[in-house]
Amino acid sequence: MARRLISIVLLSVLGLAVGLATAALVERHQGNEALSVTFDRLHLFHDLRQAALEDYLKSMASDVRAASENPRVLEAMEKLNFAWKTYGPDARKVLPRLYIDENPAPPKERAQLLEAGDGSYYSQYHRAFHGWARKFLEHFGYYDLFLINPRGDIIYSVAKERDFATSLKTGPYRKSPLGEVFHRAIVNPSASVDFSDFARYAPSGDDPAAFAAHAITKGGQVIGVFAVQIPAEPLNELMQFTAGMGKTGETYLVGPDGLMRSQSRFIEKPTLLEVEVDNLSIHEGRAGKSGARIVEDYRGIDVLSVYAPVNFGGQRWILLAEIDKEEAVGTERSWIAIAAGILAGLLAMGLAYLLWHVLRSAPEAASS
């Protein structure tokens, strides 16, 4: 009886060991297979978002360059610059008073004012150009449009914020992103459209903004700069297209400072220039490398991460496509591994019992 009990225990231990080993092997194989399939999908989503980002940049560059060469813009640049000069040194005081301080519209709707009604050349030329400029913004989705003379004076803007009529050479916004693209456009007018990185912009309530600019030329001479203010919303919409990425998949952008350049799918508060991402994907992307790995993301959650550096109009960013590891690995495979382990354990026990029975019966048969 004791020998039989010992045999049953040994067979049970053997079956359990075989079952656990089988379950572990199946779990490992299925886990690796699930990770491989998910990484392949993330690479596809990453490539699609990168292509969409490049198309978005090309579209903006085309908008700005075409506008800088538009005869209506050239005419407005010349006439408004002439009108600016008629005010002399008082231009930076008179124009903000007329179009900002005494503007009857609310601050966010100052663009409604077609002219100040003072009978000046400036009001006449402003009215002639303002309708076209407003339609340009509405059609292409930019936040503001600027005409800047070669001396750095912002002689026209649609939104009429506090940057209007200031100098980008000596004024308070000379070191702003708008100031940066203006200077680059003036120094190299034949270059492609200049883009800035996103940064907080004081005249727009310190909201994040980026800018694009191109020189306005006539007869080979630079007569000004055409610039637009780029809002964050179109870029956020582009990154938050997550069809097919499951419950936790997302794509987003990170700047060289480690701060996000787009809105997180999982955080309601603004994340652009607010949330820092610091992991190996960012470190390698900042170094110009691309790859795929499992890292801890900005939420402290393990994710599958596909990353690569991208060029945003001369700005070096990192584009990431990620999904939570838990969703990528899934739970169904665990049940398959358990079932395989149980089946293998039972089979091992059955075979061992059959072998034990045969071996035990052999001496009895021989003795008889």
Protein backbone atom coordinates (compact mmCIF):
# COMPACT_ATOMS: atom_id res chain seq x y z
CA MET A 1 0.00 0.00 0.00
CA ALA A 2 2.81 2.38 0.94
CA ARG A 3 4.65 1.61 -2.30
CA ARG A 4 1.51 2.33 -4.27
CA LEU A 5 1.00 5.66 -2.47
CA ILE A 6 4.61 6.65 -3.13
CA SER A 7 4.21 5.76 -6.78
CA ILE A 8 1.08 7.91 -7.06
CA VAL A 9 2.89 10.87 -5.44
CA LEU A 10 5.88 10.47 -7.76
CA LEU A 11 3.64 10.27 -10.80
CA SER A 12 1.77 13.37 -9.67
CA VAL A 13 5.00 15.29 -9.14
CA LEU A 14 6.22 14.17 -12.56
CA GLY A 15 2.98 15.25 -14.21
CA LEU A 16 3.05 18.60 -12.44
CA ALA A 17 6.65 19.25 -13.47
CA VAL A 18 5.97 18.34 -17.09
CA GLY A 19 2.81 20.49 -17.06
CA LEU A 20 4.57 23.53 -15.62
CA ALA A 21 7.47 23.20 -18.02
CA THR A 22 5.12 22.87 -20.99
CA ALA A 23 3.02 25.82 -19.86
CA ALA A 24 6.13 27.95 -19.46
CA LEU A 25 7.43 27.04 -22.91
CA VAL A 26 4.07 27.71 -24.55
CA GLU A 27 3.73 30.97 -22.61
CA ARG A 28 7.16 32.08 -23.70
CA HIS A 29 6.60 31.14 -27.34
CA GLN A 30 3.22 32.83 -27.52
CA GLY A 31 4.53 35.88 -25.70
CA ASN A 32 7.37 36.29 -28.16
CA GLU A 33 5.00 35.76 -31.07
CA ALA A 34 2.54 38.35 -29.71
CA LEU A 35 5.34 40.88 -29.18
CA SER A 36 6.67 40.30 -32.68
CA VAL A 37 3.26 40.78 -34.28
CA THR A 38 2.57 43.91 -32.21
CA PHE A 39 5.94 45.45 -33.01
CA ASP A 40 5.25 44.87 -36.72
CA ARG A 41 1.93 46.69 -36.37
CA LEU A 42 3.57 49.55 -34.47
CA HIS A 43 6.17 49.94 -37.22
CA LEU A 44 3.32 50.26 -39.72
CA PHE A 45 1.49 52.86 -37.62
CA HIS A 46 4.75 54.74 -37.10
CA ASP A 47 5.45 54.83 -40.83
CA LEU A 48 1.91 56.03 -41.57
CA ARG A 49 2.12 58.86 -39.03
CA GLN A 50 5.55 59.88 -40.29
CA ALA A 51 4.23 60.05 -43.86
CA ALA A 52 1.23 62.09 -42.67
CA LEU A 53 3.55 64.47 -40.79
CA GLU A 54 5.71 64.95 -43.87
CA ASP A 55 2.62 65.66 -45.99
CA TYR A 56 1.44 68.20 -43.39
CA LEU A 57 4.80 69.97 -43.49
CA LYS A 58 4.88 70.02 -47.29
CA SER A 59 1.37 71.44 -47.35
CA MET A 60 2.28 74.24 -44.94
CA ALA A 61 5.48 75.04 -46.82
CA SER A 62 3.53 75.19 -50.05
CA ASP A 63 0.92 77.51 -48.48
CA VAL A 64 3.52 79.93 -47.15
CA ARG A 65 5.73 79.99 -50.21
CA ALA A 66 2.79 80.47 -52.58
CA ALA A 67 1.41 83.28 -50.42
CA SER A 68 4.80 85.03 -50.28
CA GLU A 69 4.79 85.08 -54.10
CA ASN A 70 1.14 86.12 -54.45
CA PRO A 71 0.79 89.50 -56.23
CA ARG A 72 -1.82 90.55 -53.67
CA VAL A 73 0.67 89.97 -50.85
CA LEU A 74 3.45 91.83 -52.69
CA GLU A 75 1.14 94.79 -53.26
CA ALA A 76 -0.01 94.82 -49.62
CA MET A 77 3.58 94.59 -48.40
CA GLU A 78 4.58 97.64 -50.42
CA LYS A 79 1.53 99.74 -49.64
CA LEU A 80 1.33 98.95 -45.92
CA ASN A 81 5.05 99.57 -45.54
CA PHE A 82 4.60 102.96 -47.23
CA ALA A 83 1.66 103.70 -44.92
CA TRP A 84 3.72 102.64 -41.90
CA LYS A 85 6.40 105.15 -42.82
CA THR A 86 3.87 108.00 -42.96
CA TYR A 87 3.47 107.73 -39.18
CA GLY A 88 7.18 108.15 -38.63
CA PRO A 89 8.42 107.20 -35.14
CA ASP A 90 4.83 107.22 -33.85
CA ALA A 91 3.81 104.11 -35.83
CA ARG A 92 4.48 101.77 -32.88
CA LYS A 93 2.20 103.89 -30.69
CA VAL A 94 -0.57 104.99 -33.08
CA LEU A 95 -1.32 101.65 -34.75
CA PRO A 96 -1.65 99.59 -31.52
CA ARG A 97 -3.94 102.29 -30.14
CA LEU A 98 -6.16 102.26 -33.23
CA TYR A 99 -6.27 98.49 -33.85
CA ILE A 100 -5.86 97.07 -30.34
CA ASP A 101 -6.73 99.51 -27.55
CA GLU A 102 -9.63 101.21 -29.35
CA ASN A 103 -10.75 98.12 -31.26
CA PRO A 104 -14.46 97.61 -30.42
CA ALA A 105 -14.23 93.83 -30.80
CA PRO A 106 -13.28 91.49 -27.89
CA PRO A 107 -9.55 90.56 -27.69
CA LYS A 108 -9.99 87.22 -29.46
CA GLU A 109 -12.08 88.82 -32.22
CA ARG A 110 -10.06 91.91 -33.10
CA ALA A 111 -9.68 90.56 -36.65
CA GLN A 112 -13.27 91.67 -37.28
CA LEU A 113 -12.13 95.31 -37.58
CA LEU A 114 -11.54 96.08 -41.27
CA GLU A 115 -10.10 99.55 -40.66
CA ALA A 116 -9.71 102.12 -37.89
CA GLY A 117 -11.70 104.78 -39.74
CA ASP A 118 -9.09 107.51 -39.29
CA GLY A 119 -8.89 108.25 -43.02
CA SER A 120 -5.21 107.29 -43.19
CA TYR A 121 -3.37 105.49 -45.97
CA TYR A 122 -2.85 102.64 -43.53
CA SER A 123 -6.59 102.17 -42.92
CA GLN A 124 -7.26 102.27 -46.67
CA TYR A 125 -4.63 99.63 -47.49
CA HIS A 126 -5.52 97.56 -44.40
CA ARG A 127 -9.14 97.32 -45.54
CA ALA A 128 -8.10 96.26 -49.05
CA PHE A 129 -5.92 93.39 -47.80
CA HIS A 130 -7.61 92.30 -44.57
CA GLY A 131 -10.49 90.40 -46.18
CA TRP A 132 -8.13 88.23 -48.23
CA ALA A 133 -5.88 87.59 -45.20
CA ARG A 134 -8.81 86.49 -43.03
CA LYS A 135 -9.99 84.07 -45.71
CA PHE A 136 -6.45 82.70 -46.01
CA LEU A 137 -6.42 81.89 -42.29
CA GLU A 138 -9.89 80.37 -42.36
CA HIS A 139 -9.11 78.21 -45.38
CA PHE A 140 -5.72 76.88 -44.25
CA GLY A 141 -6.32 76.81 -40.49
CA TYR A 142 -3.53 79.08 -39.27
CA TYR A 143 -3.87 81.19 -36.15
CA ASP A 144 -2.38 84.44 -37.44
CA LEU A 145 -0.70 85.98 -40.48
CA PHE A 146 2.04 88.62 -40.47
CA LEU A 147 3.68 91.02 -42.88
CA ILE A 148 7.08 92.17 -41.61
CA ASN A 149 9.25 94.77 -43.31
CA PRO A 150 13.01 94.23 -43.72
CA ARG A 151 13.66 96.40 -40.66
CA GLY A 152 11.77 93.89 -38.52
CA ASP A 153 8.58 95.91 -37.97
CA ILE A 154 5.39 93.84 -37.84
CA ILE A 155 3.40 96.20 -40.04
CA TYR A 156 0.38 93.92 -40.30
CA SER A 157 -1.27 90.99 -38.52
CA VAL A 158 -4.75 89.54 -38.71
CA ALA A 159 -5.31 88.78 -35.01
CA LYS A 160 -3.96 92.15 -33.74
CA GLU A 161 -2.33 90.78 -30.63
CA ARG A 162 0.38 92.60 -28.68
CA ASP A 163 3.06 91.63 -31.18
CA PHE A 164 1.43 93.89 -33.80
CA ALA A 165 3.52 97.00 -34.60
CA THR A 166 6.49 95.81 -32.52
CA SER A 167 10.03 95.29 -33.83
CA LEU A 168 11.52 91.83 -34.23
CA LYS A 169 14.97 93.38 -34.10
CA THR A 170 14.69 95.57 -31.00
CA GLY A 171 11.27 94.80 -29.48
CA PRO A 172 10.14 92.42 -26.72
CA TYR A 173 9.60 89.47 -29.10
CA ARG A 174 12.90 89.62 -30.97
CA LYS A 175 13.97 86.31 -29.37
CA SER A 176 10.61 84.64 -29.90
CA PRO A 177 10.01 81.84 -32.45
CA LEU A 178 8.54 84.48 -34.77
CA GLY A 179 11.72 86.51 -34.43
CA GLU A 180 13.80 83.44 -35.25
CA VAL A 181 12.00 82.59 -38.50
CA PHE A 182 12.02 86.26 -39.55
CA HIS A 183 15.79 86.54 -39.14
CA ARG A 184 16.43 83.30 -41.03
CA ALA A 185 14.15 84.36 -43.88
CA ILE A 186 15.91 87.73 -44.18
CA VAL A 187 19.40 86.22 -44.06
CA ASN A 188 18.64 83.49 -46.61
CA PRO A 189 15.66 84.61 -48.74
CA SER A 190 16.19 81.97 -51.42
CA ALA A 191 15.94 79.09 -48.94
CA SER A 192 12.89 76.94 -48.42
CA VAL A 193 10.24 77.96 -45.89
CA ASP A 194 11.62 78.39 -42.36
CA PHE A 195 9.86 76.68 -39.46
CA SER A 196 10.28 77.25 -35.75
CA ASP A 197 9.83 74.76 -32.94
CA PHE A 198 6.82 75.06 -30.68
CA ALA A 199 7.32 77.43 -27.76
CA ARG A 200 5.14 79.44 -25.43
CA TYR A 201 4.21 82.72 -27.10
CA ALA A 202 3.33 85.59 -24.76
CA PRO A 203 1.14 87.63 -27.17
CA SER A 204 -1.17 84.59 -27.56
CA GLY A 205 -1.74 84.13 -23.85
CA ASP A 206 1.47 82.10 -23.47
CA ASP A 207 -0.08 79.26 -25.46
CA PRO A 208 2.30 77.01 -27.44
CA ALA A 209 2.84 78.22 -30.99
CA ALA A 210 5.13 77.55 -33.94
CA PHE A 211 5.81 79.80 -36.92
CA ALA A 212 6.66 79.47 -40.60
CA ALA A 213 8.05 82.26 -42.78
CA HIS A 214 9.39 83.04 -46.23
CA ALA A 215 10.89 86.17 -47.73
CA ILE A 216 8.81 88.38 -50.05
CA THR A 217 10.95 89.45 -52.98
CA LYS A 218 10.46 91.74 -55.95
CA GLY A 219 12.99 92.17 -58.71
CA GLY A 220 15.51 90.14 -56.74
CA GLN A 221 15.22 92.42 -53.69
CA VAL A 222 13.76 91.44 -50.32
CA ILE A 223 10.86 93.76 -49.55
CA GLY A 224 9.56 91.88 -46.50
CA VAL A 225 8.67 88.58 -44.87
CA PHE A 226 5.39 86.67 -44.94
CA ALA A 227 4.82 84.58 -41.79
CA VAL A 228 2.06 82.48 -40.24
CA GLN A 229 1.44 81.31 -36.69
CA ILE A 230 0.82 77.56 -36.51
CA PRO A 231 -1.62 76.34 -33.84
CA ALA A 232 -1.17 73.03 -32.05
CA GLU A 233 -4.60 71.55 -32.87
CA PRO A 234 -3.95 70.25 -36.43
CA LEU A 235 -0.80 68.46 -35.29
CA ASN A 236 -2.66 66.96 -32.32
CA GLU A 237 -5.41 65.69 -34.61
CA LEU A 238 -2.82 64.17 -36.91
CA MET A 239 -1.12 62.30 -34.05
CA GLN A 240 -4.33 61.18 -32.37
CA PHE A 241 -5.59 59.20 -35.35
CA THR A 242 -5.47 55.80 -33.65
CA ALA A 243 -7.80 53.63 -35.74
CA GLY A 244 -6.61 50.04 -35.45
CA MET A 245 -4.25 50.75 -32.54
CA GLY A 246 -6.45 49.21 -29.86
CA LYS A 247 -7.34 50.68 -26.48
CA THR A 248 -3.86 51.82 -25.49
CA GLY A 249 -2.06 52.47 -28.78
CA GLU A 250 -0.95 56.02 -29.57
CA THR A 251 1.52 58.06 -31.59
CA TYR A 252 3.05 61.27 -30.29
CA LEU A 253 5.97 63.65 -30.75
CA VAL A 254 8.77 64.64 -28.39
CA GLY A 255 11.19 67.54 -28.82
CA PRO A 256 14.95 67.55 -28.19
CA ASP A 257 14.28 68.87 -24.68
CA GLY A 258 12.28 65.73 -23.83
CA LEU A 259 8.95 67.60 -23.68
CA MET A 260 5.97 66.41 -25.70
CA ARG A 261 5.11 68.28 -28.90
CA SER A 262 1.61 66.83 -29.21
CA GLN A 263 -1.31 65.94 -26.97
CA SER A 264 -1.39 62.64 -25.11
CA ARG A 265 -4.32 60.36 -25.81
CA PHE A 266 -4.64 59.55 -22.12
CA ILE A 267 -4.25 62.91 -20.36
CA GLU A 268 -7.00 65.52 -20.46
CA LYS A 269 -4.77 68.43 -19.46
CA PRO A 270 -2.48 69.90 -22.15
CA THR A 271 0.71 67.87 -22.57
CA LEU A 272 2.45 69.92 -25.30
CA LEU A 273 5.51 71.52 -23.64
CA GLU A 274 4.20 70.22 -20.30
CA VAL A 275 4.88 66.48 -20.02
CA GLU A 276 8.46 65.19 -20.09
CA VAL A 277 9.33 61.78 -21.53
CA ASP A 278 12.62 60.28 -20.33
CA ASN A 279 13.46 56.74 -21.38
CA LEU A 280 15.79 54.85 -23.70
CA SER A 281 13.56 55.42 -26.74
CA ILE A 282 13.93 59.18 -26.29
CA HIS A 283 17.66 59.00 -25.62
CA GLU A 284 18.31 56.98 -28.77
CA GLY A 285 15.91 59.05 -30.87
CA ARG A 286 17.68 62.22 -29.72
CA ALA A 287 20.95 60.63 -30.84
CA GLY A 288 19.51 60.08 -34.33
CA LYS A 289 18.77 56.39 -33.86
CA SER A 290 15.58 54.49 -34.57
CA GLY A 291 14.44 51.19 -33.13
CA ALA A 292 11.89 49.21 -31.14
CA ARG A 293 11.97 48.17 -27.50
CA ILE A 294 9.96 47.80 -24.31
CA VAL A 295 10.26 50.86 -22.06
CA GLU A 296 8.42 52.61 -19.27
CA ASP A 297 6.46 55.48 -20.76
CA TYR A 298 5.57 58.93 -19.39
CA ARG A 299 2.71 57.35 -17.36
CA GLY A 300 5.01 54.86 -15.68
CA ILE A 301 3.53 51.97 -17.69
CA ASP A 302 5.52 49.36 -19.62
CA VAL A 303 4.88 49.82 -23.34
CA LEU A 304 6.09 48.47 -26.66
CA SER A 305 7.77 51.49 -28.25
CA VAL A 306 8.77 52.11 -31.87
CA TYR A 307 10.73 55.34 -32.29
CA ALA A 308 12.67 57.34 -34.87
CA PRO A 309 13.90 60.92 -35.29
CA VAL A 310 11.83 63.12 -37.61
CA ASN A 311 12.53 66.47 -39.19
CA PHE A 312 9.84 69.09 -38.52
CA GLY A 313 10.92 71.81 -40.91
CA GLY A 314 14.47 71.78 -39.60
CA GLN A 315 13.50 70.96 -36.01
CA ARG A 316 14.68 67.56 -34.75
CA TRP A 317 11.83 65.74 -33.01
CA ILE A 318 11.20 62.10 -32.10
CA LEU A 319 8.09 60.29 -33.34
CA LEU A 320 6.91 57.37 -31.20
CA ALA A 321 4.26 54.70 -31.73
CA GLU A 322 3.45 52.79 -28.55
CA ILE A 323 0.99 50.36 -26.98
CA ASP A 324 0.75 49.01 -23.44
CA LYS A 325 2.62 45.75 -23.01
CA GLU A 326 -0.33 44.24 -21.14
CA GLU A 327 -2.63 44.77 -24.13
CA ALA A 328 0.03 43.59 -26.58
CA VAL A 329 0.64 40.33 -24.72
CA GLY A 330 -3.03 39.76 -23.92
CA THR A 331 -4.70 37.23 -21.61
CA GLU A 332 -5.99 34.59 -24.05
CA ARG A 333 -2.54 33.15 -24.53
CA SER A 334 -2.27 32.50 -20.77
CA TRP A 335 -5.30 30.21 -20.89
CA ILE A 336 -3.84 28.41 -23.89
CA ALA A 337 -0.58 27.89 -21.99
CA ILE A 338 -2.46 26.61 -18.93
CA ALA A 339 -4.53 24.23 -21.04
CA ALA A 340 -1.41 22.98 -22.80
CA GLY A 341 0.30 22.50 -19.44
CA ILE A 342 -2.59 20.53 -17.98
CA LEU A 343 -2.84 18.35 -21.07
CA ALA A 344 0.90 17.69 -21.12
CA GLY A 345 0.88 16.91 -17.38
CA LEU A 346 -1.98 14.46 -17.68
CA LEU A 347 -0.36 12.81 -20.67
CA ALA A 348 2.94 12.50 -18.83
CA MET A 349 1.20 11.00 -15.81
CA GLY A 350 -0.68 8.55 -18.01
CA LEU A 351 2.43 7.43 -19.83
CA ALA A 352 4.40 7.15 -16.61
CA TYR A 353 1.63 5.15 -14.98
CA LEU A 354 1.40 2.84 -17.99
CA LEU A 355 5.18 2.34 -17.94
CA TRP A 356 5.15 1.74 -14.19
CA HIS A 357 2.34 -0.77 -14.56
CA VAL A 358 4.14 -2.63 -17.35
CA LEU A 359 7.39 -2.78 -15.37
CA ARG A 360 5.61 -3.96 -12.23
CA SER A 361 3.73 -6.64 -14.13
CA ALA A 362 6.84 -7.98 -15.84
CA PRO A 363 8.42 -9.63 -12.72
CA GLU A 364 5.06 -11.11 -11.68
CA ALA A 365 4.63 -12.63 -15.12
CA ALA A 366 8.17 -14.02 -15.08
CA SER A 367 7.76 -15.64 -11.62
CA SER A 368 4.54 -17.33 -12.60
